[in-house]
Amino acid sequence: MLPTAPRIEVVNHRGEWFLLHWYQHEDGDAVRAITRVEPDADRVARLHNYFFNPDFIAEICGELGVPFRSNGYRWFLPEEGSSCR
């Protein structure tokens, strides 16, 4: 992944609004996160972010026919005393 801010694309899919978060990679852009927008009349009631949900990302991106990459299921901290920084 390149150190740039993601591009956001708004799509209506399955009757719901989604924000696709496109991240730049050396070999092309790919969706790495999806945010589902839950409206309430004319405003946003809730946002549901699916960054660590590779199954959901794969399903939606597969249906939309867009490239995606997985972030795994969670973020891991290096173990105490590890030389990884």
PDB file of N, CA and C in Angstrom:
ATOM      1  N   MET A   1       0.851  -1.174   0.000  1.00  0.00           N
ATOM      2  CA  MET A   1       0.000   0.000   0.000  1.00  0.00           C
ATOM      3  C   MET A   1       0.889   1.227   0.000  1.00  0.00           C
ATOM      4  N   LEU A   2       0.521   2.228  -0.776  1.00  0.00           N
ATOM      5  CA  LEU A   2       1.276   3.478  -0.833  1.00  0.00           C
ATOM      6  C   LEU A   2       0.788   4.421   0.268  1.00  0.00           C
ATOM      7  N   PRO A   3       1.676   5.265   0.782  1.00  0.00           N
ATOM      8  CA  PRO A   3       1.322   6.159   1.899  1.00  0.00           C
ATOM      9  C   PRO A   3       0.520   7.384   1.450  1.00  0.00           C
ATOM     10  N   THR A   4      -0.666   7.143   0.932  1.00  0.00           N
ATOM     11  CA  THR A   4      -1.559   8.223   0.502  1.00  0.00           C
ATOM     12  C   THR A   4      -2.934   7.997   1.126  1.00  0.00           C
ATOM     13  N   ALA A   5      -3.705   9.038   1.231  1.00  0.00           N
ATOM     14  CA  ALA A   5      -5.071   8.924   1.769  1.00  0.00           C
ATOM     15  C   ALA A   5      -5.942   8.161   0.776  1.00  0.00           C
ATOM     16  N   PRO A   6      -6.885   7.360   1.270  1.00  0.00           N
ATOM     17  CA  PRO A   6      -7.757   6.622   0.352  1.00  0.00           C
ATOM     18  C   PRO A   6      -8.729   7.546  -0.373  1.00  0.00           C
ATOM     19  N   ARG A   7      -9.135   7.092  -1.538  1.00  0.00           N
ATOM     20  CA  ARG A   7     -10.185   7.761  -2.313  1.00  0.00           C
ATOM     21  C   ARG A   7     -11.492   7.097  -1.926  1.00  0.00           C
ATOM     22  N   ILE A   8     -12.551   7.867  -1.733  1.00  0.00           N
ATOM     23  CA  ILE A   8     -13.842   7.330  -1.323  1.00  0.00           C
ATOM     24  C   ILE A   8     -14.823   7.420  -2.494  1.00  0.00           C
ATOM     25  N   GLU A   9     -15.498   6.304  -2.756  1.00  0.00           N
ATOM     26  CA  GLU A   9     -16.511   6.251  -3.800  1.00  0.00           C
ATOM     27  C   GLU A   9     -17.850   5.866  -3.159  1.00  0.00           C
ATOM     28  N   VAL A  10     -18.893   6.595  -3.473  1.00  0.00           N
ATOM     29  CA  VAL A  10     -20.234   6.309  -2.943  1.00  0.00           C
ATOM     30  C   VAL A  10     -20.975   5.440  -3.950  1.00  0.00           C
ATOM     31  N   VAL A  11     -21.529   4.313  -3.468  1.00  0.00           N
ATOM     32  CA  VAL A  11     -22.310   3.436  -4.347  1.00  0.00           C
ATOM     33  C   VAL A  11     -23.596   3.018  -3.641  1.00  0.00           C
ATOM     34  N   ASN A  12     -24.635   2.807  -4.430  1.00  0.00           N
ATOM     35  CA  ASN A  12     -25.883   2.254  -3.907  1.00  0.00           C
ATOM     36  C   ASN A  12     -25.928   0.814  -4.382  1.00  0.00           C
ATOM     37  N   HIS A  13     -25.949  -0.119  -3.420  1.00  0.00           N
ATOM     38  CA  HIS A  13     -25.923  -1.543  -3.740  1.00  0.00           C
ATOM     39  C   HIS A  13     -26.857  -2.268  -2.788  1.00  0.00           C
ATOM     40  N   ARG A  14     -27.683  -3.151  -3.325  1.00  0.00           N
ATOM     41  CA  ARG A  14     -28.667  -3.885  -2.521  1.00  0.00           C
ATOM     42  C   ARG A  14     -29.645  -2.936  -1.816  1.00  0.00           C
ATOM     43  N   GLY A  15     -29.841  -1.750  -2.369  1.00  0.00           N
ATOM     44  CA  GLY A  15     -30.744  -0.777  -1.769  1.00  0.00           C
ATOM     45  C   GLY A  15     -30.145  -0.030  -0.584  1.00  0.00           C
ATOM     46  N   GLU A  16     -28.842  -0.166  -0.378  1.00  0.00           N
ATOM     47  CA  GLU A  16     -28.156   0.534   0.714  1.00  0.00           C
ATOM     48  C   GLU A  16     -27.012   1.359   0.150  1.00  0.00           C
ATOM     49  N   TRP A  17     -26.612   2.373   0.919  1.00  0.00           N
ATOM     50  CA  TRP A  17     -25.488   3.219   0.529  1.00  0.00           C
ATOM     51  C   TRP A  17     -24.209   2.722   1.183  1.00  0.00           C
ATOM     52  N   PHE A  18     -23.179   2.597   0.362  1.00  0.00           N
ATOM     53  CA  PHE A  18     -21.871   2.166   0.829  1.00  0.00           C
ATOM     54  C   PHE A  18     -20.812   3.169   0.388  1.00  0.00           C
ATOM     55  N   LEU A  19     -19.794   3.321   1.212  1.00  0.00           N
ATOM     56  CA  LEU A  19     -18.609   4.092   0.853  1.00  0.00           C
ATOM     57  C   LEU A  19     -17.492   3.091   0.632  1.00  0.00           C
ATOM     58  N   LEU A  20     -16.946   3.053  -0.580  1.00  0.00           N
ATOM     59  CA  LEU A  20     -15.818   2.179  -0.881  1.00  0.00           C
ATOM     60  C   LEU A  20     -14.540   2.980  -0.674  1.00  0.00           C
ATOM     61  N   HIS A  21     -13.635   2.451   0.135  1.00  0.00           N
ATOM     62  CA  HIS A  21     -12.371   3.123   0.436  1.00  0.00           C
ATOM     63  C   HIS A  21     -11.285   2.502  -0.451  1.00  0.00           C
ATOM     64  N   TRP A  22     -10.891   3.254  -1.478  1.00  0.00           N
ATOM     65  CA  TRP A  22      -9.888   2.796  -2.445  1.00  0.00           C
ATOM     66  C   TRP A  22      -8.499   3.239  -1.996  1.00  0.00           C
ATOM     67  N   TYR A  23      -7.601   2.273  -1.814  1.00  0.00           N
ATOM     68  CA  TYR A  23      -6.216   2.553  -1.437  1.00  0.00           C
ATOM     69  C   TYR A  23      -5.309   2.307  -2.632  1.00  0.00           C
ATOM     70  N   GLN A  24      -4.282   3.142  -2.745  1.00  0.00           N
ATOM     71  CA  GLN A  24      -3.340   3.009  -3.853  1.00  0.00           C
ATOM     72  C   GLN A  24      -2.264   1.979  -3.516  1.00  0.00           C
ATOM     73  N   HIS A  25      -1.959   1.131  -4.509  1.00  0.00           N
ATOM     74  CA  HIS A  25      -0.894   0.139  -4.417  1.00  0.00           C
ATOM     75  C   HIS A  25      -0.024   0.304  -5.656  1.00  0.00           C
ATOM     76  N   GLU A  26       1.187  -0.197  -5.603  1.00  0.00           N
ATOM     77  CA  GLU A  26       2.073  -0.072  -6.758  1.00  0.00           C
ATOM     78  C   GLU A  26       1.485  -0.723  -8.005  1.00  0.00           C
ATOM     79  N   ASP A  27       0.687  -1.777  -7.829  1.00  0.00           N
ATOM     80  CA  ASP A  27       0.112  -2.470  -8.976  1.00  0.00           C
ATOM     81  C   ASP A  27      -1.348  -2.085  -9.245  1.00  0.00           C
ATOM     82  N   GLY A  28      -1.804  -0.976  -8.668  1.00  0.00           N
ATOM     83  CA  GLY A  28      -3.158  -0.490  -8.940  1.00  0.00           C
ATOM     84  C   GLY A  28      -3.972  -0.281  -7.674  1.00  0.00           C
ATOM     85  N   ASP A  29      -5.073   0.430  -7.802  1.00  0.00           N
ATOM     86  CA  ASP A  29      -5.949   0.720  -6.666  1.00  0.00           C
ATOM     87  C   ASP A  29      -6.802  -0.497  -6.315  1.00  0.00           C
ATOM     88  N   ALA A  30      -7.146  -0.598  -5.017  1.00  0.00           N
ATOM     89  CA  ALA A  30      -8.011  -1.685  -4.559  1.00  0.00           C
ATOM     90  C   ALA A  30      -8.803  -1.213  -3.347  1.00  0.00           C
ATOM     91  N   VAL A  31     -10.008  -1.745  -3.202  1.00  0.00           N
ATOM     92  CA  VAL A  31     -10.839  -1.443  -2.030  1.00  0.00           C
ATOM     93  C   VAL A  31     -10.283  -2.229  -0.847  1.00  0.00           C
ATOM     94  N   ARG A  32     -10.040  -1.545   0.274  1.00  0.00           N
ATOM     95  CA  ARG A  32      -9.542  -2.204   1.485  1.00  0.00           C
ATOM     96  C   ARG A  32     -10.504  -2.042   2.650  1.00  0.00           C
ATOM     97  N   ALA A  33     -11.532  -1.211   2.478  1.00  0.00           N
ATOM     98  CA  ALA A  33     -12.520  -1.009   3.537  1.00  0.00           C
ATOM     99  C   ALA A  33     -13.832  -0.567   2.905  1.00  0.00           C
ATOM    100  N   ILE A  34     -14.926  -0.866   3.607  1.00  0.00           N
ATOM    101  CA  ILE A  34     -16.257  -0.444   3.172  1.00  0.00           C
ATOM    102  C   ILE A  34     -16.969   0.118   4.392  1.00  0.00           C
ATOM    103  N   THR A  35     -17.657   1.230   4.194  1.00  0.00           N
ATOM    104  CA  THR A  35     -18.492   1.796   5.247  1.00  0.00           C
ATOM    105  C   THR A  35     -19.939   1.773   4.764  1.00  0.00           C
ATOM    106  N   ARG A  36     -20.812   1.164   5.568  1.00  0.00           N
ATOM    107  CA  ARG A  36     -22.246   1.150   5.250  1.00  0.00           C
ATOM    108  C   ARG A  36     -22.893   2.335   5.948  1.00  0.00           C
ATOM    109  N   VAL A  37     -23.655   3.117   5.196  1.00  0.00           N
ATOM    110  CA  VAL A  37     -24.308   4.314   5.721  1.00  0.00           C
ATOM    111  C   VAL A  37     -25.755   3.972   6.052  1.00  0.00           C
ATOM    112  N   GLU A  38     -26.138   4.224   7.289  1.00  0.00           N
ATOM    113  CA  GLU A  38     -27.517   3.983   7.720  1.00  0.00           C
ATOM    114  C   GLU A  38     -28.199   5.340   7.884  1.00  0.00           C
ATOM    115  N   PRO A  39     -29.065   5.709   6.934  1.00  0.00           N
ATOM    116  CA  PRO A  39     -29.712   7.021   6.999  1.00  0.00           C
ATOM    117  C   PRO A  39     -30.935   7.036   7.922  1.00  0.00           C
ATOM    118  N   ASP A  40     -31.281   8.230   8.336  1.00  0.00           N
ATOM    119  CA  ASP A  40     -32.510   8.476   9.095  1.00  0.00           C
ATOM    120  C   ASP A  40     -33.095   9.753   8.521  1.00  0.00           C
ATOM    121  N   ALA A  41     -34.073   9.591   7.648  1.00  0.00           N
ATOM    122  CA  ALA A  41     -34.667  10.724   6.918  1.00  0.00           C
ATOM    123  C   ALA A  41     -33.573  11.396   6.091  1.00  0.00           C
ATOM    124  N   ASP A  42     -33.273  12.662   6.376  1.00  0.00           N
ATOM    125  CA  ASP A  42     -32.304  13.405   5.565  1.00  0.00           C
ATOM    126  C   ASP A  42     -30.932  13.525   6.227  1.00  0.00           C
ATOM    127  N   ARG A  43     -30.618  12.641   7.175  1.00  0.00           N
ATOM    128  CA  ARG A  43     -29.309  12.703   7.827  1.00  0.00           C
ATOM    129  C   ARG A  43     -28.762  11.291   8.034  1.00  0.00           C
ATOM    130  N   VAL A  44     -27.502  11.224   8.404  1.00  0.00           N
ATOM    131  CA  VAL A  44     -26.849   9.946   8.660  1.00  0.00           C
ATOM    132  C   VAL A  44     -27.081   9.558  10.118  1.00  0.00           C
ATOM    133  N   ALA A  45     -27.660   8.382  10.339  1.00  0.00           N
ATOM    134  CA  ALA A  45     -27.907   7.907  11.699  1.00  0.00           C
ATOM    135  C   ALA A  45     -26.718   7.115  12.229  1.00  0.00           C
ATOM    136  N   ARG A  46     -26.151   6.258  11.372  1.00  0.00           N
ATOM    137  CA  ARG A  46     -25.024   5.421  11.794  1.00  0.00           C
ATOM    138  C   ARG A  46     -24.115   5.137  10.613  1.00  0.00           C
ATOM    139  N   LEU A  47     -22.850   4.904  10.944  1.00  0.00           N
ATOM    140  CA  LEU A  47     -21.863   4.431   9.981  1.00  0.00           C
ATOM    141  C   LEU A  47     -21.311   3.110  10.504  1.00  0.00           C
ATOM    142  N   HIS A  48     -21.275   2.093   9.653  1.00  0.00           N
ATOM    143  CA  HIS A  48     -20.730   0.785  10.018  1.00  0.00           C
ATOM    144  C   HIS A  48     -19.504   0.549   9.147  1.00  0.00           C
ATOM    145  N   ASN A  49     -18.310   0.516   9.760  1.00  0.00           N
ATOM    146  CA  ASN A  49     -17.073   0.352   9.004  1.00  0.00           C
ATOM    147  C   ASN A  49     -16.637  -1.104   9.015  1.00  0.00           C
ATOM    148  N   TYR A  50     -16.269  -1.590   7.835  1.00  0.00           N
ATOM    149  CA  TYR A  50     -15.846  -2.977   7.654  1.00  0.00           C
ATOM    150  C   TYR A  50     -14.407  -3.009   7.146  1.00  0.00           C
ATOM    151  N   PHE A  51     -13.465  -2.606   7.983  1.00  0.00           N
ATOM    152  CA  PHE A  51     -12.046  -2.625   7.627  1.00  0.00           C
ATOM    153  C   PHE A  51     -11.446  -3.997   7.925  1.00  0.00           C
ATOM    154  N   PHE A  52     -11.786  -4.563   9.083  1.00  0.00           N
ATOM    155  CA  PHE A  52     -11.271  -5.871   9.488  1.00  0.00           C
ATOM    156  C   PHE A  52     -12.328  -6.958   9.294  1.00  0.00           C
ATOM    157  N   ASN A  53     -13.006  -6.936   8.151  1.00  0.00           N
ATOM    158  CA  ASN A  53     -14.011  -7.937   7.836  1.00  0.00           C
ATOM    159  C   ASN A  53     -13.800  -8.388   6.387  1.00  0.00           C
ATOM    160  N   PRO A  54     -12.763  -9.214   6.145  1.00  0.00           N
ATOM    161  CA  PRO A  54     -12.439  -9.585   4.763  1.00  0.00           C
ATOM    162  C   PRO A  54     -13.550 -10.337   4.041  1.00  0.00           C
ATOM    163  N   ASP A  55     -14.380 -11.098   4.771  1.00  0.00           N
ATOM    164  CA  ASP A  55     -15.471 -11.824   4.116  1.00  0.00           C
ATOM    165  C   ASP A  55     -16.501 -10.863   3.536  1.00  0.00           C
ATOM    166  N   PHE A  56     -16.872  -9.837   4.301  1.00  0.00           N
ATOM    167  CA  PHE A  56     -17.837  -8.838   3.839  1.00  0.00           C
ATOM    168  C   PHE A  56     -17.272  -8.052   2.654  1.00  0.00           C
ATOM    169  N   ILE A  57     -16.006  -7.639   2.766  1.00  0.00           N
ATOM    170  CA  ILE A  57     -15.372  -6.879   1.685  1.00  0.00           C
ATOM    171  C   ILE A  57     -15.336  -7.715   0.408  1.00  0.00           C
ATOM    172  N   ALA A  58     -14.959  -8.999   0.528  1.00  0.00           N
ATOM    173  CA  ALA A  58     -14.897  -9.871  -0.644  1.00  0.00           C
ATOM    174  C   ALA A  58     -16.275 -10.053  -1.273  1.00  0.00           C
ATOM    175  N   GLU A  59     -17.298 -10.223  -0.451  1.00  0.00           N
ATOM    176  CA  GLU A  59     -18.654 -10.426  -0.971  1.00  0.00           C
ATOM    177  C   GLU A  59     -19.153  -9.202  -1.734  1.00  0.00           C
ATOM    178  N   ILE A  60     -19.063  -8.023  -1.120  1.00  0.00           N
ATOM    179  CA  ILE A  60     -19.565  -6.797  -1.766  1.00  0.00           C
ATOM    180  C   ILE A  60     -18.745  -6.457  -3.006  1.00  0.00           C
ATOM    181  N   CYS A  61     -17.419  -6.510  -2.889  1.00  0.00           N
ATOM    182  CA  CYS A  61     -16.571  -6.177  -4.042  1.00  0.00           C
ATOM    183  C   CYS A  61     -16.753  -7.192  -5.168  1.00  0.00           C
ATOM    184  N   GLY A  62     -16.967  -8.461  -4.811  1.00  0.00           N
ATOM    185  CA  GLY A  62     -17.233  -9.476  -5.833  1.00  0.00           C
ATOM    186  C   GLY A  62     -18.514  -9.186  -6.591  1.00  0.00           C
ATOM    187  N   GLU A  63     -19.556  -8.793  -5.864  1.00  0.00           N
ATOM    188  CA  GLU A  63     -20.823  -8.447  -6.511  1.00  0.00           C
ATOM    189  C   GLU A  63     -20.695  -7.199  -7.369  1.00  0.00           C
ATOM    190  N   LEU A  64     -19.872  -6.251  -6.937  1.00  0.00           N
ATOM    191  CA  LEU A  64     -19.684  -5.013  -7.693  1.00  0.00           C
ATOM    192  C   LEU A  64     -18.641  -5.168  -8.808  1.00  0.00           C
ATOM    193  N   GLY A  65     -17.858  -6.233  -8.754  1.00  0.00           N
ATOM    194  CA  GLY A  65     -16.830  -6.466  -9.766  1.00  0.00           C
ATOM    195  C   GLY A  65     -15.650  -5.516  -9.652  1.00  0.00           C
ATOM    196  N   VAL A  66     -15.261  -5.189  -8.420  1.00  0.00           N
ATOM    197  CA  VAL A  66     -14.133  -4.278  -8.214  1.00  0.00           C
ATOM    198  C   VAL A  66     -13.022  -5.002  -7.447  1.00  0.00           C
ATOM    199  N   PRO A  67     -11.751  -4.613  -7.678  1.00  0.00           N
ATOM    200  CA  PRO A  67     -10.641  -5.250  -6.978  1.00  0.00           C
ATOM    201  C   PRO A  67     -10.618  -4.874  -5.499  1.00  0.00           C
ATOM    202  N   PHE A  68     -10.139  -5.808  -4.671  1.00  0.00           N
ATOM    203  CA  PHE A  68     -10.078  -5.547  -3.234  1.00  0.00           C
ATOM    204  C   PHE A  68      -8.867  -6.255  -2.650  1.00  0.00           C
ATOM    205  N   ARG A  69      -8.493  -5.861  -1.454  1.00  0.00           N
ATOM    206  CA  ARG A  69      -7.421  -6.502  -0.694  1.00  0.00           C
ATOM    207  C   ARG A  69      -7.882  -6.652   0.749  1.00  0.00           C
ATOM    208  N   SER A  70      -7.410  -7.698   1.387  1.00  0.00           N
ATOM    209  CA  SER A  70      -7.804  -7.977   2.762  1.00  0.00           C
ATOM    210  C   SER A  70      -6.866  -7.302   3.764  1.00  0.00           C
ATOM    211  N   ASN A  71      -7.443  -6.862   4.880  1.00  0.00           N
ATOM    212  CA  ASN A  71      -6.682  -6.332   6.006  1.00  0.00           C
ATOM    213  C   ASN A  71      -6.628  -7.358   7.140  1.00  0.00           C
ATOM    214  N   GLY A  72      -7.152  -8.538   6.891  1.00  0.00           N
ATOM    215  CA  GLY A  72      -7.225  -9.556   7.932  1.00  0.00           C
ATOM    216  C   GLY A  72      -8.414  -9.292   8.852  1.00  0.00           C
ATOM    217  N   TYR A  73      -8.429  -9.995   9.973  1.00  0.00           N
ATOM    218  CA  TYR A  73      -9.545  -9.883  10.910  1.00  0.00           C
ATOM    219  C   TYR A  73      -9.272  -8.962  12.083  1.00  0.00           C
ATOM    220  N   ARG A  74      -8.012  -8.597  12.290  1.00  0.00           N
ATOM    221  CA  ARG A  74      -7.700  -7.687  13.383  1.00  0.00           C
ATOM    222  C   ARG A  74      -6.303  -7.132  13.212  1.00  0.00           C
ATOM    223  N   TRP A  75      -6.026  -6.090  13.965  1.00  0.00           N
ATOM    224  CA  TRP A  75      -4.725  -5.447  13.960  1.00  0.00           C
ATOM    225  C   TRP A  75      -3.914  -6.039  15.100  1.00  0.00           C
ATOM    226  N   PHE A  76      -2.693  -6.425  14.820  1.00  0.00           N
ATOM    227  CA  PHE A  76      -1.849  -7.051  15.838  1.00  0.00           C
ATOM    228  C   PHE A  76      -0.737  -6.113  16.265  1.00  0.00           C
ATOM    229  N   LEU A  77      -0.532  -5.992  17.550  1.00  0.00           N
ATOM    230  CA  LEU A  77       0.601  -5.268  18.100  1.00  0.00           C
ATOM    231  C   LEU A  77       1.784  -6.215  18.198  1.00  0.00           C
ATOM    232  N   PRO A  78       3.004  -5.733  18.016  1.00  0.00           N
ATOM    233  CA  PRO A  78       4.154  -6.592  18.208  1.00  0.00           C
ATOM    234  C   PRO A  78       4.209  -7.089  19.652  1.00  0.00           C
ATOM    235  N   GLU A  79       4.696  -8.289  19.847  1.00  0.00           N
ATOM    236  CA  GLU A  79       4.809  -8.839  21.199  1.00  0.00           C
ATOM    237  C   GLU A  79       5.799  -8.032  22.008  1.00  0.00           C
ATOM    238  N   GLU A  80       5.571  -7.997  23.318  1.00  0.00           N
ATOM    239  CA  GLU A  80       6.461  -7.296  24.234  1.00  0.00           C
ATOM    240  C   GLU A  80       7.873  -7.817  24.048  1.00  0.00           C
ATOM    241  N   GLY A  81       8.825  -6.900  23.895  1.00  0.00           N
ATOM    242  CA  GLY A  81      10.228  -7.287  23.735  1.00  0.00           C
ATOM    243  C   GLY A  81      10.600  -7.634  22.312  1.00  0.00           C
ATOM    244  N   SER A  82       9.645  -7.581  21.387  1.00  0.00           N
ATOM    245  CA  SER A  82       9.912  -7.902  19.991  1.00  0.00           C
ATOM    246  C   SER A  82      10.755  -6.802  19.357  1.00  0.00           C
ATOM    247  N   SER A  83      11.581  -7.171  18.408  1.00  0.00           N
ATOM    248  CA  SER A  83      12.412  -6.173  17.727  1.00  0.00           C
ATOM    249  C   SER A  83      11.672  -5.484  16.601  1.00  0.00           C
ATOM    250  N   CYS A  84      10.426  -5.903  16.305  1.00  0.00           N
ATOM    251  CA  CYS A  84       9.606  -5.263  15.262  1.00  0.00           C
ATOM    252  C   CYS A  84       9.161  -3.884  15.716  1.00  0.00           C
ATOM    253  N   ARG A  85       9.314  -2.909  14.904  1.00  0.00           N
ATOM    254  CA  ARG A  85       8.890  -1.557  15.218  1.00  0.00           C
ATOM    255  C   ARG A  85       8.123  -0.976  14.071  1.00  0.00           C
TER     256      ARG A  85
END
